[in-house]
Amino acid sequence: MHPLRIILLSTLAFLQALSLSAQEAPIRYAFQVFQLNGSFSDKTSLENKIWSDSTAAWERIENDVTLFDKGEFRNGKDRLVMEPKGCFWNDRELTFEEGHQAALPEKKIKMIFSPNLIRKERELVRLKIASTLPYQFMKAREDGLFEVDEIMLPTGLDIEIKAHQDKEDSYEITYLELDLRSVNRRETLRGIALPIGKPILDEVEYRLKLTVREYRSYGILLRPKGSDSLIIIRFEVDDR
């Protein structure tokens, strides 16, 4: 074989190996998912444009989804503050490592999910927050009266994310899907205006594209339709 051909083949093999190694670089995904009751007021801000999807795509979901890098959520004297470098409940930091051990007043705020995991670059990561809950409702009997019944419904939140390093200090999230399942309405009963009918499970999907800086936290605020609670997702993508 010609020496030049050997050199070219060797160079090609090296570049392929280098490319494969880059594609398999580890990425750390850290999440905190909070549920806040409806008495919280919210104030958010976004200093840098980090979404990489079209403006029209964001405008379609802007009433349901708010992306932010700084947020403050108040309930009387209680505060949940999120900043690029940390998350604080009444000035006490809630680290990603703390997870479900964080002591929070559940009547006001719950940390319902806190995974911290490492995956290969460009690998699709699937996270499921399942919460099958019982719901009571009134159903009609044959004699025209009503009786109480109960149904179990699979509420929860699914998160799918895939990212790769875009520049030295940033990551491109090419795919982020949020699948929210919640009960926000009920079937109507003839002649009764009260919301006491069979609960209806609604499922909403949001797909986003983002470019985020490493070692910085970002937040996503979800406002489920018909619900008086807020869902807040705090996340980081980096190589730690």
Protein backbone atom coordinates (compact mmCIF):
# COMPACT_ATOMS: atom_id res chain seq x y z
CA MET A 1 0.00 0.00 0.00
CA HIS A 2 1.25 3.46 -0.84
CA PRO A 3 2.72 5.28 2.21
CA LEU A 4 0.56 8.35 1.56
CA ARG A 5 -2.56 6.20 1.53
CA ILE A 6 -1.52 4.65 4.84
CA ILE A 7 -1.06 8.12 6.36
CA LEU A 8 -4.46 9.27 5.06
CA LEU A 9 -6.23 6.18 6.41
CA SER A 10 -4.51 6.55 9.76
CA THR A 11 -5.47 10.24 9.92
CA LEU A 12 -9.08 9.41 9.03
CA ALA A 13 -9.24 6.72 11.71
CA PHE A 14 -7.83 9.15 14.26
CA LEU A 15 -10.38 11.84 13.33
CA GLN A 16 -13.25 9.34 13.51
CA ALA A 17 -12.10 8.20 16.94
CA LEU A 18 -11.75 11.81 18.06
CA SER A 19 -15.23 12.61 16.77
CA LEU A 20 -16.72 9.58 18.53
CA SER A 21 -14.94 10.54 21.74
CA ALA A 22 -16.35 14.07 21.53
CA GLN A 23 -19.87 12.76 20.95
CA GLU A 24 -19.61 10.60 24.06
CA ALA A 25 -18.38 13.37 26.36
CA PRO A 26 -20.21 13.24 29.70
CA ILE A 27 -22.86 15.84 30.49
CA ARG A 28 -24.34 16.51 33.91
CA TYR A 29 -28.07 17.18 34.11
CA ALA A 30 -29.36 18.53 37.42
CA PHE A 31 -33.02 19.29 38.10
CA GLN A 32 -35.19 20.60 40.91
CA VAL A 33 -38.95 20.58 40.40
CA PHE A 34 -41.10 22.60 42.81
CA GLN A 35 -44.86 22.88 43.21
CA LEU A 36 -46.09 26.15 44.74
CA ASN A 37 -49.62 26.82 45.90
CA GLY A 38 -51.67 29.55 44.27
CA SER A 39 -50.96 32.24 46.86
CA PHE A 40 -47.45 32.81 45.48
CA SER A 41 -46.86 35.84 43.32
CA ASP A 42 -44.11 35.51 40.75
CA LYS A 43 -41.51 37.88 39.35
CA THR A 44 -39.10 36.60 36.72
CA SER A 45 -36.43 38.03 34.45
CA LEU A 46 -34.30 36.83 31.58
CA GLU A 47 -31.07 38.73 31.07
CA ASN A 48 -29.86 36.86 28.03
CA LYS A 49 -31.75 35.45 25.08
CA ILE A 50 -31.02 31.75 25.40
CA TRP A 51 -33.78 30.14 23.36
CA SER A 52 -32.68 28.90 19.96
CA ASP A 53 -36.15 28.18 18.60
CA SER A 54 -38.06 30.68 16.49
CA THR A 55 -39.77 33.65 18.14
CA ALA A 56 -43.10 32.38 16.82
CA ALA A 57 -42.58 29.04 18.60
CA TRP A 58 -42.10 30.84 21.92
CA GLU A 59 -45.04 33.16 21.35
CA ARG A 60 -47.33 30.14 21.02
CA ILE A 61 -46.57 29.00 24.57
CA GLU A 62 -45.72 32.28 26.32
CA ASN A 63 -48.92 32.26 28.42
CA ASP A 64 -48.21 28.75 29.71
CA VAL A 65 -44.40 28.62 29.89
CA THR A 66 -41.98 31.28 31.17
CA LEU A 67 -38.24 30.79 30.80
CA PHE A 68 -36.10 32.76 33.25
CA ASP A 69 -32.62 33.03 34.75
CA LYS A 70 -33.76 35.02 37.81
CA GLY A 71 -37.00 34.51 39.68
CA GLU A 72 -38.56 35.53 42.97
CA PHE A 73 -41.73 33.91 44.30
CA ARG A 74 -43.36 35.41 47.40
CA ASN A 75 -46.00 34.11 49.79
CA GLY A 76 -46.30 36.57 52.66
CA LYS A 77 -42.90 36.61 54.35
CA ASP A 78 -41.80 33.39 52.63
CA ARG A 79 -39.65 33.64 49.51
CA LEU A 80 -38.28 31.25 46.92
CA VAL A 81 -35.45 32.99 45.05
CA MET A 82 -33.69 31.56 42.01
CA GLU A 83 -30.50 33.02 40.61
CA PRO A 84 -27.92 31.81 38.08
CA LYS A 85 -25.66 30.65 40.93
CA GLY A 86 -28.15 29.26 43.43
CA CYS A 87 -31.65 28.63 44.75
CA PHE A 88 -32.79 29.92 48.16
CA TRP A 89 -35.79 29.37 50.42
CA ASN A 90 -35.95 32.23 52.95
CA ASP A 91 -32.21 32.85 52.43
CA ARG A 92 -31.29 29.18 52.98
CA GLU A 93 -29.67 27.62 49.94
CA LEU A 94 -31.32 24.55 48.39
CA THR A 95 -28.55 22.68 46.60
CA PHE A 96 -29.09 20.14 43.85
CA GLU A 97 -27.40 17.55 46.07
CA GLU A 98 -29.85 18.18 48.90
CA GLY A 99 -32.71 16.69 46.92
CA HIS A 100 -35.83 15.59 48.77
CA GLN A 101 -34.10 16.10 52.12
CA ALA A 102 -34.86 19.82 51.94
CA ALA A 103 -37.14 20.87 54.79
CA LEU A 104 -39.98 22.86 53.23
CA PRO A 105 -43.51 23.70 54.45
CA GLU A 106 -45.50 21.33 52.22
CA LYS A 107 -48.71 23.34 52.49
CA LYS A 108 -46.92 26.12 50.62
CA ILE A 109 -44.12 24.55 48.59
CA LYS A 110 -43.03 21.02 47.69
CA MET A 111 -39.86 19.78 46.05
CA ILE A 112 -41.37 16.93 44.06
CA PHE A 113 -38.34 15.85 42.01
CA SER A 114 -34.57 16.36 42.22
CA PRO A 115 -32.48 14.10 39.95
CA ASN A 116 -28.77 14.76 39.45
CA LEU A 117 -27.27 12.48 36.81
CA ILE A 118 -24.52 12.14 34.20
CA ARG A 119 -25.13 10.93 30.65
CA LYS A 120 -23.23 10.87 27.38
CA GLU A 121 -23.36 13.86 25.08
CA ARG A 122 -26.33 13.76 22.66
CA GLU A 123 -27.91 10.91 24.61
CA LEU A 124 -31.67 11.31 25.12
CA VAL A 125 -32.44 11.46 28.84
CA ARG A 126 -35.94 10.56 30.07
CA LEU A 127 -37.16 11.55 33.53
CA LYS A 128 -40.58 10.59 34.89
CA ILE A 129 -42.40 12.15 37.83
CA ALA A 130 -45.33 9.83 38.38
CA SER A 131 -47.98 10.60 40.96
CA THR A 132 -51.09 8.44 40.69
CA LEU A 133 -53.63 10.23 42.86
CA PRO A 134 -57.20 9.44 44.03
CA TYR A 135 -60.01 11.79 43.04
CA GLN A 136 -63.52 11.67 44.45
CA PHE A 137 -66.54 12.64 42.38
CA MET A 138 -70.32 12.34 42.32
CA LYS A 139 -72.00 10.00 39.88
CA ALA A 140 -75.66 9.60 39.06
CA ARG A 141 -77.61 6.49 40.14
CA GLU A 142 -80.54 4.90 38.37
CA ASP A 143 -82.96 6.31 40.96
CA GLY A 144 -81.93 9.87 40.08
CA LEU A 145 -79.82 10.40 43.20
CA PHE A 146 -76.04 10.73 43.38
CA GLU A 147 -73.35 8.80 45.17
CA VAL A 148 -69.65 9.32 45.85
CA ASP A 149 -67.16 7.37 43.77
CA GLU A 150 -63.36 7.47 43.46
CA ILE A 151 -60.94 7.14 40.57
CA MET A 152 -57.13 6.88 40.42
CA LEU A 153 -55.51 9.05 37.75
CA PRO A 154 -51.84 9.05 36.59
CA THR A 155 -50.90 12.71 37.04
CA GLY A 156 -47.30 13.86 36.86
CA LEU A 157 -44.58 15.39 34.71
CA ASP A 158 -42.25 13.76 32.19
CA ILE A 159 -39.06 15.48 31.05
CA GLU A 160 -36.99 14.47 28.01
CA ILE A 161 -33.76 16.32 27.24
CA LYS A 162 -30.82 15.97 24.87
CA ALA A 163 -27.84 18.34 24.71
CA HIS A 164 -24.30 18.73 23.40
CA GLN A 165 -21.52 21.23 23.94
CA ASP A 166 -21.96 24.13 21.56
CA LYS A 167 -18.98 26.31 22.53
CA GLU A 168 -16.37 26.17 25.25
CA ASP A 169 -18.74 27.64 27.83
CA SER A 170 -22.21 26.80 26.48
CA TYR A 171 -24.44 23.85 25.68
CA GLU A 172 -27.11 23.53 23.04
CA ILE A 173 -30.25 21.75 24.19
CA THR A 174 -31.53 20.47 20.86
CA TYR A 175 -34.54 18.75 22.40
CA LEU A 176 -36.42 19.50 25.60
CA GLU A 177 -39.94 18.12 25.99
CA LEU A 178 -42.15 18.70 29.03
CA ASP A 179 -45.22 16.47 29.27
CA LEU A 180 -47.55 17.67 32.03
CA ARG A 181 -50.52 15.57 33.18
CA SER A 182 -52.98 17.21 35.58
CA VAL A 183 -56.65 17.38 36.56
CA ASN A 184 -57.97 20.86 35.95
CA ARG A 185 -61.62 20.26 35.04
CA ARG A 186 -64.52 17.89 35.57
CA GLU A 187 -67.42 16.47 33.66
CA THR A 188 -70.64 18.43 34.11
CA LEU A 189 -73.66 16.90 35.79
CA ARG A 190 -77.07 17.70 34.43
CA GLY A 191 -78.70 20.47 36.40
CA ILE A 192 -75.70 20.99 38.72
CA ALA A 193 -73.25 23.85 38.27
CA LEU A 194 -70.81 22.73 40.98
CA PRO A 195 -67.54 21.09 39.78
CA ILE A 196 -68.26 17.71 41.37
CA GLY A 197 -68.39 15.49 38.29
CA LYS A 198 -65.86 12.92 37.14
CA PRO A 199 -62.36 14.46 36.90
CA ILE A 200 -60.75 14.75 33.47
CA LEU A 201 -57.02 14.14 33.05
CA ASP A 202 -55.47 16.72 30.71
CA GLU A 203 -52.09 16.19 29.05
CA VAL A 204 -50.07 19.07 27.58
CA GLU A 205 -46.73 18.83 25.77
CA TYR A 206 -44.21 21.65 25.40
CA ARG A 207 -41.14 21.32 23.17
CA LEU A 208 -38.29 23.79 23.54
CA LYS A 209 -34.84 24.48 22.08
CA LEU A 210 -32.32 26.36 24.21
CA THR A 211 -28.70 27.39 24.38
CA VAL A 212 -27.47 27.62 27.97
CA ARG A 213 -24.20 28.59 29.60
CA GLU A 214 -22.45 26.02 31.75
CA TYR A 215 -22.38 26.39 35.54
CA ARG A 216 -25.50 28.59 35.42
CA SER A 217 -29.00 27.68 36.59
CA TYR A 218 -32.12 28.42 34.58
CA GLY A 219 -35.79 28.16 35.43
CA ILE A 220 -38.98 27.17 33.65
CA LEU A 221 -42.31 28.30 35.08
CA LEU A 222 -45.40 26.27 34.13
CA ARG A 223 -48.93 27.51 34.78
CA PRO A 224 -51.28 24.52 34.33
CA LYS A 225 -54.62 25.65 32.91
CA GLY A 226 -57.41 25.61 35.48
CA SER A 227 -54.98 25.04 38.36
CA ASP A 228 -54.14 27.44 41.19
CA SER A 229 -50.62 26.02 41.62
CA LEU A 230 -47.34 26.79 39.87
CA ILE A 231 -44.75 24.28 38.67
CA ILE A 232 -41.15 25.55 38.67
CA ILE A 233 -38.32 23.59 37.07
CA ARG A 234 -34.76 24.65 37.89
CA PHE A 235 -32.00 22.99 35.87
CA GLU A 236 -28.30 23.04 35.01
CA VAL A 237 -26.40 21.49 32.11
CA ASP A 238 -22.61 21.26 32.42
CA ASP A 239 -19.62 18.90 32.65
CA ARG A 240 -19.15 18.83 36.43
